[in-house]
Amino acid sequence: MPEPPAIQMQTSRPPLPPRPVDGHKGTFGRVLLIGGSPGMSGALRLAGIAALRSGSGLVQAAASERTIALIAASEPCLMTVALPNDQDDLRPPTEAEVSRLLNRQQAIGCGPGLGTCRGAKQLVQRLLSQAAVPLVLDADALNLCAAHALLQDRNQDIPCVITPHPGEFARLTGFTIAQISHSRLQVACEFALRHKLVVVLKGPQSLVTDGIRCYVNQTGNSGMATGGSGDVLTGITTSLLGQGLDAFAAAVNAVHAHGLAGDLAAEHLSPRGMIASDLLTWLPRAWKQISDC
């Protein structure tokens, strides 16, 4: 296990981005979410709606041309763009295609339902080298980073948040899940420092660190241990980055609001009865409670 660095434990959340009364949709950020391979279109839908419900002015979802119609039909407030297929999988994108995809975006979230085919790998690789705005990496984007050591070539001047659960973090770090559970603060901080990014290590009392500061979240419950909850968190985090928060502040506020939405849902539905889309229902009430406080 690595030696723990000197960590500043944070107990308060940074302020949320302002909502000027004369703002318009351009004021509140344009963000892109990428994923939604066949059989996993719901993951991108959850992330996209979470971004909309977290204050983004414009949210675009990019997915396989085989699934994009499903995502577009599921939520009319989402803008959509189809990623070209090569037979059944994503076709590896060119540099010019990725540049067009990234044009005018203010934050990018990648991974929910993305898949791990060759085209997905090249897409993540190009995002890491071409993106000039903050990135959120989750799910299959992290699995691809682990399998192909993609984070080694990332432009470290661009803010980045990764949101692994312990299994994904084990693949990224080479430690076992048991080792991570035993020393999660040390492992997360060392990884964040080495790669110059923010780690959100998900689980009970999710941990957020940039390697120097650490925040341990106090909201959330076991009802959130269900498929799709992490996709909602990706959307919230991407939205807050697109509204101008720095990576650590965006991640801290995202895990708090995400967990609070889960607590409000559990109060009315019970943890046993919850599904991830319930978080979308209660997320606006979570933001209202945060604002009222």
C-alpha atoms as a PDB file:
ATOM      1  CA  MET A   1       0.000   0.000   0.000  1.00  0.00           C
ATOM      2  CA  PRO A   2       1.256   3.528  -0.748  1.00  0.00           C
ATOM      3  CA  GLU A   3       2.039   5.863   2.126  1.00  0.00           C
ATOM      4  CA  PRO A   4      -0.806   8.353   2.660  1.00  0.00           C
ATOM      5  CA  PRO A   5      -0.035  11.937   1.637  1.00  0.00           C
ATOM      6  CA  ALA A   6      -0.849  14.853   3.922  1.00  0.00           C
ATOM      7  CA  ILE A   7      -4.574  15.183   3.299  1.00  0.00           C
ATOM      8  CA  GLN A   8      -6.814  18.148   4.067  1.00  0.00           C
ATOM      9  CA  MET A   9     -10.151  16.681   5.141  1.00  0.00           C
ATOM     10  CA  GLN A  10     -13.050  18.837   3.942  1.00  0.00           C
ATOM     11  CA  THR A  11     -16.324  18.848   5.848  1.00  0.00           C
ATOM     12  CA  SER A  12     -18.103  21.682   4.032  1.00  0.00           C
ATOM     13  CA  ARG A  13     -19.246  21.742   0.423  1.00  0.00           C
ATOM     14  CA  PRO A  14     -18.088  24.438  -2.006  1.00  0.00           C
ATOM     15  CA  PRO A  15     -20.871  26.766  -3.170  1.00  0.00           C
ATOM     16  CA  LEU A  16     -23.009  25.814  -6.128  1.00  0.00           C
ATOM     17  CA  PRO A  17     -22.711  27.810  -9.360  1.00  0.00           C
ATOM     18  CA  PRO A  18     -24.854  30.960  -9.379  1.00  0.00           C
ATOM     19  CA  ARG A  19     -28.225  31.117 -11.184  1.00  0.00           C
ATOM     20  CA  PRO A  20     -28.497  34.738 -12.381  1.00  0.00           C
ATOM     21  CA  VAL A  21     -32.104  35.804 -12.892  1.00  0.00           C
ATOM     22  CA  ASP A  22     -31.277  37.165 -16.339  1.00  0.00           C
ATOM     23  CA  GLY A  23     -29.467  33.990 -17.441  1.00  0.00           C
ATOM     24  CA  HIS A  24     -30.337  32.042 -20.588  1.00  0.00           C
ATOM     25  CA  LYS A  25     -29.552  28.502 -21.718  1.00  0.00           C
ATOM     26  CA  GLY A  26     -26.110  29.549 -22.881  1.00  0.00           C
ATOM     27  CA  THR A  27     -25.375  30.906 -19.405  1.00  0.00           C
ATOM     28  CA  PHE A  28     -25.814  27.520 -17.775  1.00  0.00           C
ATOM     29  CA  GLY A  29     -23.554  25.400 -19.902  1.00  0.00           C
ATOM     30  CA  ARG A  30     -23.677  23.037 -22.841  1.00  0.00           C
ATOM     31  CA  VAL A  31     -22.577  19.473 -22.034  1.00  0.00           C
ATOM     32  CA  LEU A  32     -22.105  16.240 -23.959  1.00  0.00           C
ATOM     33  CA  LEU A  33     -22.721  12.731 -22.625  1.00  0.00           C
ATOM     34  CA  ILE A  34     -21.431   9.726 -24.582  1.00  0.00           C
ATOM     35  CA  GLY A  35     -22.464   6.066 -24.259  1.00  0.00           C
ATOM     36  CA  GLY A  36     -25.629   4.073 -24.856  1.00  0.00           C
ATOM     37  CA  SER A  37     -24.529   1.014 -26.839  1.00  0.00           C
ATOM     38  CA  PRO A  38     -27.215  -1.522 -27.874  1.00  0.00           C
ATOM     39  CA  GLY A  39     -28.808  -3.002 -24.778  1.00  0.00           C
ATOM     40  CA  MET A  40     -27.505  -0.128 -22.625  1.00  0.00           C
ATOM     41  CA  SER A  41     -29.349   2.897 -23.994  1.00  0.00           C
ATOM     42  CA  GLY A  42     -31.010   3.457 -20.614  1.00  0.00           C
ATOM     43  CA  ALA A  43     -27.659   4.286 -19.018  1.00  0.00           C
ATOM     44  CA  LEU A  44     -27.153   7.288 -21.277  1.00  0.00           C
ATOM     45  CA  ARG A  45     -30.760   8.364 -20.838  1.00  0.00           C
ATOM     46  CA  LEU A  46     -30.296   8.412 -17.045  1.00  0.00           C
ATOM     47  CA  ALA A  47     -27.095  10.440 -17.335  1.00  0.00           C
ATOM     48  CA  GLY A  48     -28.608  12.904 -19.800  1.00  0.00           C
ATOM     49  CA  ILE A  49     -31.733  13.591 -17.757  1.00  0.00           C
ATOM     50  CA  ALA A  50     -29.638  13.935 -14.594  1.00  0.00           C
ATOM     51  CA  ALA A  51     -27.614  16.658 -16.332  1.00  0.00           C
ATOM     52  CA  LEU A  52     -30.798  18.436 -17.377  1.00  0.00           C
ATOM     53  CA  ARG A  53     -32.181  18.146 -13.830  1.00  0.00           C
ATOM     54  CA  SER A  54     -28.953  19.610 -12.424  1.00  0.00           C
ATOM     55  CA  GLY A  55     -29.228  22.934 -14.205  1.00  0.00           C
ATOM     56  CA  SER A  56     -27.495  22.543 -17.570  1.00  0.00           C
ATOM     57  CA  GLY A  57     -28.758  24.827 -20.300  1.00  0.00           C
ATOM     58  CA  LEU A  58     -28.171  22.353 -23.134  1.00  0.00           C
ATOM     59  CA  VAL A  59     -27.483  18.625 -22.960  1.00  0.00           C
ATOM     60  CA  GLN A  60     -26.488  16.515 -25.948  1.00  0.00           C
ATOM     61  CA  ALA A  61     -26.424  12.705 -25.888  1.00  0.00           C
ATOM     62  CA  ALA A  62     -24.144  10.863 -28.322  1.00  0.00           C
ATOM     63  CA  ALA A  63     -24.754   7.162 -28.887  1.00  0.00           C
ATOM     64  CA  SER A  64     -24.640   4.399 -31.453  1.00  0.00           C
ATOM     65  CA  GLU A  65     -26.831   5.055 -34.472  1.00  0.00           C
ATOM     66  CA  ARG A  66     -28.607   1.811 -33.505  1.00  0.00           C
ATOM     67  CA  THR A  67     -29.828   3.245 -30.194  1.00  0.00           C
ATOM     68  CA  ILE A  68     -29.957   7.006 -30.606  1.00  0.00           C
ATOM     69  CA  ALA A  69     -33.614   7.003 -31.678  1.00  0.00           C
ATOM     70  CA  LEU A  70     -34.591   5.253 -28.446  1.00  0.00           C
ATOM     71  CA  ILE A  71     -32.780   7.890 -26.396  1.00  0.00           C
ATOM     72  CA  ALA A  72     -34.258  10.778 -28.397  1.00  0.00           C
ATOM     73  CA  ALA A  73     -37.772   9.390 -27.970  1.00  0.00           C
ATOM     74  CA  SER A  74     -37.329   8.891 -24.232  1.00  0.00           C
ATOM     75  CA  GLU A  75     -36.721  12.568 -23.409  1.00  0.00           C
ATOM     76  CA  PRO A  76     -37.557  15.430 -25.791  1.00  0.00           C
ATOM     77  CA  CYS A  77     -35.336  17.894 -23.896  1.00  0.00           C
ATOM     78  CA  LEU A  78     -32.191  15.977 -24.892  1.00  0.00           C
ATOM     79  CA  MET A  79     -30.370  16.884 -28.085  1.00  0.00           C
ATOM     80  CA  THR A  80     -28.886  13.826 -29.767  1.00  0.00           C
ATOM     81  CA  VAL A  81     -26.128  12.873 -32.179  1.00  0.00           C
ATOM     82  CA  ALA A  82     -25.575   9.435 -33.723  1.00  0.00           C
ATOM     83  CA  LEU A  83     -22.146   7.809 -33.588  1.00  0.00           C
ATOM     84  CA  PRO A  84     -21.529   5.788 -36.793  1.00  0.00           C
ATOM     85  CA  ASN A  85     -21.535   2.016 -36.586  1.00  0.00           C
ATOM     86  CA  ASP A  86     -19.301  -0.547 -38.238  1.00  0.00           C
ATOM     87  CA  GLN A  87     -21.558  -3.595 -38.463  1.00  0.00           C
ATOM     88  CA  ASP A  88     -22.759  -4.130 -34.879  1.00  0.00           C
ATOM     89  CA  ASP A  89     -20.221  -1.972 -33.031  1.00  0.00           C
ATOM     90  CA  LEU A  90     -19.087   1.642 -33.030  1.00  0.00           C
ATOM     91  CA  ARG A  91     -16.760   2.494 -35.886  1.00  0.00           C
ATOM     92  CA  PRO A  92     -13.429   3.923 -34.688  1.00  0.00           C
ATOM     93  CA  PRO A  93     -13.862   7.718 -35.060  1.00  0.00           C
ATOM     94  CA  THR A  94     -11.426   9.941 -36.894  1.00  0.00           C
ATOM     95  CA  GLU A  95      -9.775  12.954 -35.306  1.00  0.00           C
ATOM     96  CA  ALA A  96     -12.012  15.254 -37.370  1.00  0.00           C
ATOM     97  CA  GLU A  97     -15.175  13.427 -36.270  1.00  0.00           C
ATOM     98  CA  VAL A  98     -14.232  13.755 -32.603  1.00  0.00           C
ATOM     99  CA  SER A  99     -13.411  17.439 -33.091  1.00  0.00           C
ATOM    100  CA  ARG A 100     -16.900  18.037 -34.511  1.00  0.00           C
ATOM    101  CA  LEU A 101     -18.445  16.096 -31.623  1.00  0.00           C
ATOM    102  CA  LEU A 102     -16.617  18.213 -29.055  1.00  0.00           C
ATOM    103  CA  ASN A 103     -17.300  21.538 -30.745  1.00  0.00           C
ATOM    104  CA  ARG A 104     -18.924  24.130 -28.440  1.00  0.00           C
ATOM    105  CA  GLN A 105     -19.197  21.736 -25.466  1.00  0.00           C
ATOM    106  CA  GLN A 106     -18.266  22.997 -21.997  1.00  0.00           C
ATOM    107  CA  ALA A 107     -17.967  19.600 -20.286  1.00  0.00           C
ATOM    108  CA  ILE A 108     -18.051  15.983 -21.416  1.00  0.00           C
ATOM    109  CA  GLY A 109     -19.147  12.822 -19.638  1.00  0.00           C
ATOM    110  CA  CYS A 110     -18.245   9.472 -21.160  1.00  0.00           C
ATOM    111  CA  GLY A 111     -18.935   5.875 -20.243  1.00  0.00           C
ATOM    112  CA  PRO A 112     -22.577   5.090 -19.347  1.00  0.00           C
ATOM    113  CA  GLY A 113     -23.443   2.081 -21.499  1.00  0.00           C
ATOM    114  CA  LEU A 114     -20.540   2.792 -23.866  1.00  0.00           C
ATOM    115  CA  GLY A 115     -19.311  -0.772 -24.413  1.00  0.00           C
ATOM    116  CA  THR A 116     -15.707  -1.826 -24.851  1.00  0.00           C
ATOM    117  CA  CYS A 117     -15.371  -2.503 -28.579  1.00  0.00           C
ATOM    118  CA  ARG A 118     -12.459  -1.218 -30.689  1.00  0.00           C
ATOM    119  CA  GLY A 119     -14.423   1.863 -31.737  1.00  0.00           C
ATOM    120  CA  ALA A 120     -15.232   2.724 -28.124  1.00  0.00           C
ATOM    121  CA  LYS A 121     -11.571   2.386 -27.189  1.00  0.00           C
ATOM    122  CA  GLN A 122     -10.486   4.792 -29.933  1.00  0.00           C
ATOM    123  CA  LEU A 123     -13.234   7.220 -28.993  1.00  0.00           C
ATOM    124  CA  VAL A 124     -12.034   7.351 -25.352  1.00  0.00           C
ATOM    125  CA  GLN A 125      -8.425   7.612 -26.506  1.00  0.00           C
ATOM    126  CA  ARG A 126      -9.242  10.581 -28.721  1.00  0.00           C
ATOM    127  CA  LEU A 127     -11.305  12.256 -26.002  1.00  0.00           C
ATOM    128  CA  LEU A 128      -8.355  12.078 -23.632  1.00  0.00           C
ATOM    129  CA  SER A 129      -6.011  13.658 -26.167  1.00  0.00           C
ATOM    130  CA  GLN A 130      -8.363  16.091 -27.951  1.00  0.00           C
ATOM    131  CA  ALA A 131     -10.769  17.399 -25.315  1.00  0.00           C
ATOM    132  CA  ALA A 132     -10.077  20.966 -24.194  1.00  0.00           C
ATOM    133  CA  VAL A 133     -12.859  21.042 -21.577  1.00  0.00           C
ATOM    134  CA  PRO A 134     -13.412  19.106 -18.317  1.00  0.00           C
ATOM    135  CA  LEU A 135     -14.067  15.361 -18.588  1.00  0.00           C
ATOM    136  CA  VAL A 136     -15.988  12.855 -16.477  1.00  0.00           C
ATOM    137  CA  LEU A 137     -15.084   9.191 -17.028  1.00  0.00           C
ATOM    138  CA  ASP A 138     -17.247   6.366 -15.707  1.00  0.00           C
ATOM    139  CA  ALA A 139     -18.203   2.756 -16.346  1.00  0.00           C
ATOM    140  CA  ASP A 140     -16.875   1.383 -19.654  1.00  0.00           C
ATOM    141  CA  ALA A 141     -14.703   4.456 -20.225  1.00  0.00           C
ATOM    142  CA  LEU A 142     -12.861   3.447 -17.037  1.00  0.00           C
ATOM    143  CA  ASN A 143     -12.755  -0.202 -18.042  1.00  0.00           C
ATOM    144  CA  LEU A 144     -11.125   0.799 -21.326  1.00  0.00           C
ATOM    145  CA  CYS A 145      -8.654   3.037 -19.491  1.00  0.00           C
ATOM    146  CA  ALA A 146      -7.731   0.121 -17.240  1.00  0.00           C
ATOM    147  CA  ALA A 147      -7.424  -2.433 -20.044  1.00  0.00           C
ATOM    148  CA  HIS A 148      -5.313  -0.222 -22.326  1.00  0.00           C
ATOM    149  CA  ALA A 149      -3.539   2.155 -19.883  1.00  0.00           C
ATOM    150  CA  LEU A 150      -5.227   5.118 -21.582  1.00  0.00           C
ATOM    151  CA  LEU A 151      -4.822   7.513 -18.661  1.00  0.00           C
ATOM    152  CA  GLN A 152      -1.059   7.524 -19.235  1.00  0.00           C
ATOM    153  CA  ASP A 153      -1.540   9.633 -22.368  1.00  0.00           C
ATOM    154  CA  ARG A 154      -4.167  12.031 -20.966  1.00  0.00           C
ATOM    155  CA  ASN A 155      -3.600  15.768 -21.274  1.00  0.00           C
ATOM    156  CA  GLN A 156      -3.195  16.476 -17.545  1.00  0.00           C
ATOM    157  CA  ASP A 157      -3.839  20.188 -18.027  1.00  0.00           C
ATOM    158  CA  ILE A 158      -7.524  19.389 -18.648  1.00  0.00           C
ATOM    159  CA  PRO A 159      -9.638  18.823 -15.489  1.00  0.00           C
ATOM    160  CA  CYS A 160     -10.878  15.260 -15.162  1.00  0.00           C
ATOM    161  CA  VAL A 161     -13.150  13.431 -12.724  1.00  0.00           C
ATOM    162  CA  ILE A 162     -13.316   9.644 -12.576  1.00  0.00           C
ATOM    163  CA  THR A 163     -16.181   7.923 -10.754  1.00  0.00           C
ATOM    164  CA  PRO A 164     -15.236   4.255 -10.209  1.00  0.00           C
ATOM    165  CA  HIS A 165     -16.892   1.750  -7.946  1.00  0.00           C
ATOM    166  CA  PRO A 166     -14.405  -0.486  -6.083  1.00  0.00           C
ATOM    167  CA  GLY A 167     -14.305  -3.091  -8.867  1.00  0.00           C
ATOM    168  CA  GLU A 168     -13.481  -0.522 -11.522  1.00  0.00           C
ATOM    169  CA  PHE A 169     -10.937   1.102  -9.240  1.00  0.00           C
ATOM    170  CA  ALA A 170      -9.294  -2.281  -8.634  1.00  0.00           C
ATOM    171  CA  ARG A 171      -8.835  -2.680 -12.390  1.00  0.00           C
ATOM    172  CA  LEU A 172      -7.377   0.830 -12.655  1.00  0.00           C
ATOM    173  CA  THR A 173      -4.950   0.518  -9.748  1.00  0.00           C
ATOM    174  CA  GLY A 174      -3.980  -3.154  -9.756  1.00  0.00           C
ATOM    175  CA  PHE A 175      -4.988  -3.538  -6.104  1.00  0.00           C
ATOM    176  CA  THR A 176      -7.634  -6.006  -5.003  1.00  0.00           C
ATOM    177  CA  ILE A 177     -11.073  -4.858  -3.890  1.00  0.00           C
ATOM    178  CA  ALA A 178     -10.165  -5.978  -0.353  1.00  0.00           C
ATOM    179  CA  GLN A 179      -7.001  -3.865  -0.379  1.00  0.00           C
ATOM    180  CA  ILE A 180      -8.937  -0.852  -1.641  1.00  0.00           C
ATOM    181  CA  SER A 181     -11.633  -1.299   1.014  1.00  0.00           C
ATOM    182  CA  HIS A 182      -8.968  -1.490   3.719  1.00  0.00           C
ATOM    183  CA  SER A 183      -7.016   1.593   2.556  1.00  0.00           C
ATOM    184  CA  ARG A 184      -9.329   3.451   0.239  1.00  0.00           C
ATOM    185  CA  LEU A 185      -8.229   6.945   1.324  1.00  0.00           C
ATOM    186  CA  GLN A 186      -4.557   6.231   0.712  1.00  0.00           C
ATOM    187  CA  VAL A 187      -5.097   4.443  -2.600  1.00  0.00           C
ATOM    188  CA  ALA A 188      -7.522   7.061  -3.950  1.00  0.00           C
ATOM    189  CA  CYS A 189      -5.311   9.991  -2.937  1.00  0.00           C
ATOM    190  CA  GLU A 190      -2.183   8.449  -4.422  1.00  0.00           C
ATOM    191  CA  PHE A 191      -3.960   7.706  -7.704  1.00  0.00           C
ATOM    192  CA  ALA A 192      -5.446  11.211  -7.883  1.00  0.00           C
ATOM    193  CA  LEU A 193      -2.053  12.800  -7.271  1.00  0.00           C
ATOM    194  CA  ARG A 194      -0.248  10.608  -9.789  1.00  0.00           C
ATOM    195  CA  HIS A 195      -2.749  11.224 -12.582  1.00  0.00           C
ATOM    196  CA  LYS A 196      -3.668  14.820 -11.624  1.00  0.00           C
ATOM    197  CA  LEU A 197      -7.397  14.216 -11.522  1.00  0.00           C
ATOM    198  CA  VAL A 198     -10.288  13.927  -9.063  1.00  0.00           C
ATOM    199  CA  VAL A 199     -11.304  10.471  -7.879  1.00  0.00           C
ATOM    200  CA  VAL A 200     -14.856   9.777  -6.722  1.00  0.00           C
ATOM    201  CA  LEU A 201     -14.619   6.334  -5.134  1.00  0.00           C
ATOM    202  CA  LYS A 202     -18.243   5.270  -4.951  1.00  0.00           C
ATOM    203  CA  GLY A 203     -19.873   3.258  -2.206  1.00  0.00           C
ATOM    204  CA  PRO A 204     -21.214   3.910   1.290  1.00  0.00           C
ATOM    205  CA  GLN A 205     -19.814   7.323   2.234  1.00  0.00           C
ATOM    206  CA  SER A 206     -18.383   7.960  -1.227  1.00  0.00           C
ATOM    207  CA  LEU A 207     -14.941   9.534  -1.103  1.00  0.00           C
ATOM    208  CA  VAL A 208     -13.892  12.518  -3.242  1.00  0.00           C
ATOM    209  CA  THR A 209     -10.237  13.510  -3.514  1.00  0.00           C
ATOM    210  CA  ASP A 210      -7.848  15.428  -5.707  1.00  0.00           C
ATOM    211  CA  GLY A 211      -4.920  13.943  -3.800  1.00  0.00           C
ATOM    212  CA  ILE A 212      -4.625  16.965  -1.516  1.00  0.00           C
ATOM    213  CA  ARG A 213      -8.178  17.505  -0.299  1.00  0.00           C
ATOM    214  CA  CYS A 214     -10.668  14.804   0.652  1.00  0.00           C
ATOM    215  CA  TYR A 215     -14.417  14.916   1.240  1.00  0.00           C
ATOM    216  CA  VAL A 216     -16.352  11.957   2.666  1.00  0.00           C
ATOM    217  CA  ASN A 217     -20.003  12.082   1.657  1.00  0.00           C
ATOM    218  CA  GLN A 218     -22.677  11.594   4.320  1.00  0.00           C
ATOM    219  CA  THR A 219     -25.788  11.237   2.141  1.00  0.00           C
ATOM    220  CA  GLY A 220     -27.120   8.129   0.416  1.00  0.00           C
ATOM    221  CA  ASN A 221     -28.435   4.694   1.373  1.00  0.00           C
ATOM    222  CA  SER A 222     -28.554   1.059   0.290  1.00  0.00           C
ATOM    223  CA  GLY A 223     -31.465   1.679  -2.074  1.00  0.00           C
ATOM    224  CA  MET A 224     -28.961   3.319  -4.426  1.00  0.00           C
ATOM    225  CA  ALA A 225     -27.118   0.007  -4.839  1.00  0.00           C
ATOM    226  CA  THR A 226     -28.923  -0.676  -8.086  1.00  0.00           C
ATOM    227  CA  GLY A 227     -27.998  -0.529 -11.762  1.00  0.00           C
ATOM    228  CA  GLY A 228     -28.015   2.986 -13.190  1.00  0.00           C
ATOM    229  CA  SER A 229     -27.315   4.976 -10.019  1.00  0.00           C
ATOM    230  CA  GLY A 230     -23.766   5.688 -11.143  1.00  0.00           C
ATOM    231  CA  ASP A 231     -25.004   6.922 -14.509  1.00  0.00           C
ATOM    232  CA  VAL A 232     -27.105   9.525 -12.697  1.00  0.00           C
ATOM    233  CA  LEU A 233     -24.010  10.655 -10.795  1.00  0.00           C
ATOM    234  CA  THR A 234     -22.087  11.012 -14.073  1.00  0.00           C
ATOM    235  CA  GLY A 235     -24.780  13.304 -15.434  1.00  0.00           C
ATOM    236  CA  ILE A 236     -24.871  15.469 -12.307  1.00  0.00           C
ATOM    237  CA  THR A 237     -21.094  15.837 -12.201  1.00  0.00           C
ATOM    238  CA  THR A 238     -20.848  16.687 -15.896  1.00  0.00           C
ATOM    239  CA  SER A 239     -23.583  19.283 -15.524  1.00  0.00           C
ATOM    240  CA  LEU A 240     -21.851  21.068 -12.642  1.00  0.00           C
ATOM    241  CA  LEU A 241     -18.542  21.110 -14.524  1.00  0.00           C
ATOM    242  CA  GLY A 242     -20.325  22.629 -17.508  1.00  0.00           C
ATOM    243  CA  GLN A 243     -21.727  25.348 -15.240  1.00  0.00           C
ATOM    244  CA  GLY A 244     -18.222  26.381 -14.270  1.00  0.00           C
ATOM    245  CA  LEU A 245     -17.373  24.586 -11.029  1.00  0.00           C
ATOM    246  CA  ASP A 246     -13.852  23.234 -10.696  1.00  0.00           C
ATOM    247  CA  ALA A 247     -13.462  19.452 -10.713  1.00  0.00           C
ATOM    248  CA  PHE A 248     -13.260  18.954  -6.935  1.00  0.00           C
ATOM    249  CA  ALA A 249     -16.187  21.289  -6.196  1.00  0.00           C
ATOM    250  CA  ALA A 250     -18.325  19.685  -8.910  1.00  0.00           C
ATOM    251  CA  ALA A 251     -17.629  16.180  -7.617  1.00  0.00           C
ATOM    252  CA  VAL A 252     -18.317  17.074  -3.971  1.00  0.00           C
ATOM    253  CA  ASN A 253     -21.630  18.753  -4.764  1.00  0.00           C
ATOM    254  CA  ALA A 254     -22.598  15.961  -7.141  1.00  0.00           C
ATOM    255  CA  VAL A 255     -22.140  13.140  -4.628  1.00  0.00           C
ATOM    256  CA  HIS A 256     -24.006  15.111  -1.959  1.00  0.00           C
ATOM    257  CA  ALA A 257     -26.993  15.916  -4.195  1.00  0.00           C
ATOM    258  CA  HIS A 258     -27.018  12.396  -5.653  1.00  0.00           C
ATOM    259  CA  GLY A 259     -27.117  10.863  -2.176  1.00  0.00           C
ATOM    260  CA  LEU A 260     -29.699  13.343  -0.926  1.00  0.00           C
ATOM    261  CA  ALA A 261     -31.985  12.491  -3.859  1.00  0.00           C
ATOM    262  CA  GLY A 262     -31.565   8.862  -2.834  1.00  0.00           C
ATOM    263  CA  ASP A 263     -32.437   9.652   0.782  1.00  0.00           C
ATOM    264  CA  LEU A 264     -35.580  11.529  -0.244  1.00  0.00           C
ATOM    265  CA  ALA A 265     -36.594   8.649  -2.520  1.00  0.00           C
ATOM    266  CA  ALA A 266     -35.940   6.064   0.204  1.00  0.00           C
ATOM    267  CA  GLU A 267     -38.058   8.017   2.687  1.00  0.00           C
ATOM    268  CA  HIS A 268     -41.070   7.684   0.396  1.00  0.00           C
ATOM    269  CA  LEU A 269     -40.389   4.400  -1.409  1.00  0.00           C
ATOM    270  CA  SER A 270     -38.126   2.418   0.967  1.00  0.00           C
ATOM    271  CA  PRO A 271     -34.568   1.448  -0.005  1.00  0.00           C
ATOM    272  CA  ARG A 272     -35.777  -1.980  -1.106  1.00  0.00           C
ATOM    273  CA  GLY A 273     -38.253  -0.520  -3.555  1.00  0.00           C
ATOM    274  CA  MET A 274     -35.963   2.009  -5.269  1.00  0.00           C
ATOM    275  CA  ILE A 275     -34.617   2.004  -8.810  1.00  0.00           C
ATOM    276  CA  ALA A 276     -32.151   4.432 -10.363  1.00  0.00           C
ATOM    277  CA  SER A 277     -34.760   6.444 -12.258  1.00  0.00           C
ATOM    278  CA  ASP A 278     -36.335   7.344  -8.895  1.00  0.00           C
ATOM    279  CA  LEU A 279     -33.259   9.495  -8.308  1.00  0.00           C
ATOM    280  CA  LEU A 280     -34.279  11.628 -11.295  1.00  0.00           C
ATOM    281  CA  THR A 281     -37.704  12.191  -9.741  1.00  0.00           C
ATOM    282  CA  TRP A 282     -36.251  13.330  -6.417  1.00  0.00           C
ATOM    283  CA  LEU A 283     -33.191  15.173  -7.687  1.00  0.00           C
ATOM    284  CA  PRO A 284     -35.002  18.512  -8.195  1.00  0.00           C
ATOM    285  CA  ARG A 285     -36.266  18.324  -4.608  1.00  0.00           C
ATOM    286  CA  ALA A 286     -32.738  17.615  -3.436  1.00  0.00           C
ATOM    287  CA  TRP A 287     -31.502  20.767  -5.206  1.00  0.00           C
ATOM    288  CA  LYS A 288     -34.341  22.750  -3.631  1.00  0.00           C
ATOM    289  CA  GLN A 289     -33.448  21.475  -0.155  1.00  0.00           C
ATOM    290  CA  ILE A 290     -29.785  22.334  -0.724  1.00  0.00           C
ATOM    291  CA  SER A 291     -30.712  25.820  -1.940  1.00  0.00           C
ATOM    292  CA  ASP A 292     -33.107  26.396   0.966  1.00  0.00           C
ATOM    293  CA  CYS A 293     -30.341  25.513   3.411  1.00  0.00           C
END
